[in-house]
Amino acid sequence: MEKIKTYKILAVSCLLLNILIWIPNTVFAISSPFWMLSFFIAPIGIVFSALIKNYLLVTLNAIMFFSFFLLMGIGYIINSFS
């Protein structure tokens, strides 16, 4: 039972850390190279989420793993209209 609680805390921490990593780039428009850490942190969150069988956290961490490509695609779509 203690392992499950620890894994859940670690999975949620990875998700929140990934979100915090993207804030300077998306909200403040400051070029920060820390977004590359999402390629290392998100898989850790996916593993911990899968261990506790919380598929919502698995999905959210997977989205954060592919967040660079999603944001790049959205940026290209927005720039194509202007």
C-alpha atoms as a PDB file:
ATOM      1  CA  MET A   1       0.000   0.000   0.000  1.00  0.00           C
ATOM      2  CA  GLU A   2       2.850   2.356   0.794  1.00  0.00           C
ATOM      3  CA  LYS A   3       4.465   1.638  -2.585  1.00  0.00           C
ATOM      4  CA  ILE A   4       1.282   2.571  -4.423  1.00  0.00           C
ATOM      5  CA  LYS A   5       1.068   5.897  -2.616  1.00  0.00           C
ATOM      6  CA  THR A   6       4.741   6.627  -3.309  1.00  0.00           C
ATOM      7  CA  TYR A   7       4.391   5.715  -6.991  1.00  0.00           C
ATOM      8  CA  LYS A   8       1.332   7.923  -7.335  1.00  0.00           C
ATOM      9  CA  ILE A   9       3.139  10.864  -5.749  1.00  0.00           C
ATOM     10  CA  LEU A  10       6.096  10.322  -8.084  1.00  0.00           C
ATOM     11  CA  ALA A  11       3.866  10.063 -11.170  1.00  0.00           C
ATOM     12  CA  VAL A  12       1.967  13.243 -10.298  1.00  0.00           C
ATOM     13  CA  SER A  13       5.265  14.991  -9.475  1.00  0.00           C
ATOM     14  CA  CYS A  14       6.637  14.098 -12.899  1.00  0.00           C
ATOM     15  CA  LEU A  15       3.509  15.464 -14.548  1.00  0.00           C
ATOM     16  CA  LEU A  16       3.608  18.713 -12.589  1.00  0.00           C
ATOM     17  CA  LEU A  17       7.327  19.119 -13.218  1.00  0.00           C
ATOM     18  CA  ASN A  18       6.740  18.704 -16.951  1.00  0.00           C
ATOM     19  CA  ILE A  19       4.059  21.368 -16.847  1.00  0.00           C
ATOM     20  CA  LEU A  20       6.331  23.720 -14.898  1.00  0.00           C
ATOM     21  CA  ILE A  21       9.126  23.143 -17.406  1.00  0.00           C
ATOM     22  CA  TRP A  22       6.945  24.450 -20.251  1.00  0.00           C
ATOM     23  CA  ILE A  23       5.702  27.619 -18.489  1.00  0.00           C
ATOM     24  CA  PRO A  24       8.670  29.886 -19.434  1.00  0.00           C
ATOM     25  CA  ASN A  25       8.409  28.923 -23.111  1.00  0.00           C
ATOM     26  CA  THR A  26       4.649  29.069 -23.523  1.00  0.00           C
ATOM     27  CA  VAL A  27       3.467  31.717 -21.059  1.00  0.00           C
ATOM     28  CA  PHE A  28       6.385  34.137 -20.777  1.00  0.00           C
ATOM     29  CA  ALA A  29       7.897  33.566 -24.262  1.00  0.00           C
ATOM     30  CA  ILE A  30      11.356  33.092 -22.745  1.00  0.00           C
ATOM     31  CA  SER A  31      13.533  30.616 -24.621  1.00  0.00           C
ATOM     32  CA  SER A  32      14.475  28.068 -22.029  1.00  0.00           C
ATOM     33  CA  PRO A  33      16.261  24.844 -22.938  1.00  0.00           C
ATOM     34  CA  PHE A  34      14.767  23.074 -19.923  1.00  0.00           C
ATOM     35  CA  TRP A  35      11.839  21.814 -22.048  1.00  0.00           C
ATOM     36  CA  MET A  36      14.182  19.070 -23.246  1.00  0.00           C
ATOM     37  CA  LEU A  37      13.975  17.543 -19.775  1.00  0.00           C
ATOM     38  CA  SER A  38      10.446  16.459 -20.645  1.00  0.00           C
ATOM     39  CA  PHE A  39      11.995  13.688 -22.778  1.00  0.00           C
ATOM     40  CA  PHE A  40      13.556  12.251 -19.609  1.00  0.00           C
ATOM     41  CA  ILE A  41      10.973  13.056 -16.942  1.00  0.00           C
ATOM     42  CA  ALA A  42       7.813  12.010 -18.805  1.00  0.00           C
ATOM     43  CA  PRO A  43       8.878   8.368 -19.364  1.00  0.00           C
ATOM     44  CA  ILE A  44       9.633   8.083 -15.649  1.00  0.00           C
ATOM     45  CA  GLY A  45       6.126   9.356 -14.940  1.00  0.00           C
ATOM     46  CA  ILE A  46       4.687   6.888 -17.448  1.00  0.00           C
ATOM     47  CA  VAL A  47       6.444   3.977 -15.725  1.00  0.00           C
ATOM     48  CA  PHE A  48       5.243   4.967 -12.252  1.00  0.00           C
ATOM     49  CA  SER A  49       1.718   5.551 -13.564  1.00  0.00           C
ATOM     50  CA  ALA A  50       1.678   2.162 -15.246  1.00  0.00           C
ATOM     51  CA  LEU A  51       2.864   0.478 -12.049  1.00  0.00           C
ATOM     52  CA  ILE A  52      -0.196   1.774 -10.183  1.00  0.00           C
ATOM     53  CA  LYS A  53      -2.444   1.182 -13.225  1.00  0.00           C
ATOM     54  CA  ASN A  54      -3.648   4.780 -13.354  1.00  0.00           C
ATOM     55  CA  TYR A  55      -4.239   5.168 -17.072  1.00  0.00           C
ATOM     56  CA  LEU A  56      -5.192   8.835 -16.828  1.00  0.00           C
ATOM     57  CA  LEU A  57      -1.733   9.632 -15.488  1.00  0.00           C
ATOM     58  CA  VAL A  58      -0.178   7.406 -18.159  1.00  0.00           C
ATOM     59  CA  THR A  59      -2.025   9.369 -20.842  1.00  0.00           C
ATOM     60  CA  LEU A  60      -1.160  12.774 -19.373  1.00  0.00           C
ATOM     61  CA  ASN A  61       2.521  11.882 -19.009  1.00  0.00           C
ATOM     62  CA  ALA A  62       2.537  10.545 -22.575  1.00  0.00           C
ATOM     63  CA  ILE A  63       1.041  13.825 -23.793  1.00  0.00           C
ATOM     64  CA  MET A  64       3.802  15.661 -21.964  1.00  0.00           C
ATOM     65  CA  PHE A  65       6.359  13.388 -23.640  1.00  0.00           C
ATOM     66  CA  PHE A  66       5.044  14.437 -27.059  1.00  0.00           C
ATOM     67  CA  SER A  67       4.342  18.040 -25.981  1.00  0.00           C
ATOM     68  CA  PHE A  68       7.147  19.509 -28.083  1.00  0.00           C
ATOM     69  CA  PHE A  69       5.718  18.032 -31.257  1.00  0.00           C
ATOM     70  CA  LEU A  70       2.161  19.010 -30.309  1.00  0.00           C
ATOM     71  CA  LEU A  71       3.132  22.615 -29.552  1.00  0.00           C
ATOM     72  CA  MET A  72       5.268  22.828 -32.676  1.00  0.00           C
ATOM     73  CA  GLY A  73       2.351  21.597 -34.811  1.00  0.00           C
ATOM     74  CA  ILE A  74      -0.074  24.038 -33.173  1.00  0.00           C
ATOM     75  CA  GLY A  75       2.418  26.858 -33.747  1.00  0.00           C
ATOM     76  CA  TYR A  76       2.727  25.981 -37.427  1.00  0.00           C
ATOM     77  CA  ILE A  77      -1.049  25.893 -37.804  1.00  0.00           C
ATOM     78  CA  ILE A  78      -1.444  29.292 -36.119  1.00  0.00           C
ATOM     79  CA  ASN A  79       1.338  30.823 -38.238  1.00  0.00           C
ATOM     80  CA  SER A  80      -0.175  29.477 -41.436  1.00  0.00           C
ATOM     81  CA  PHE A  81      -3.254  31.629 -40.883  1.00  0.00           C
ATOM     82  CA  SER A  82      -1.312  34.869 -40.628  1.00  0.00           C
END
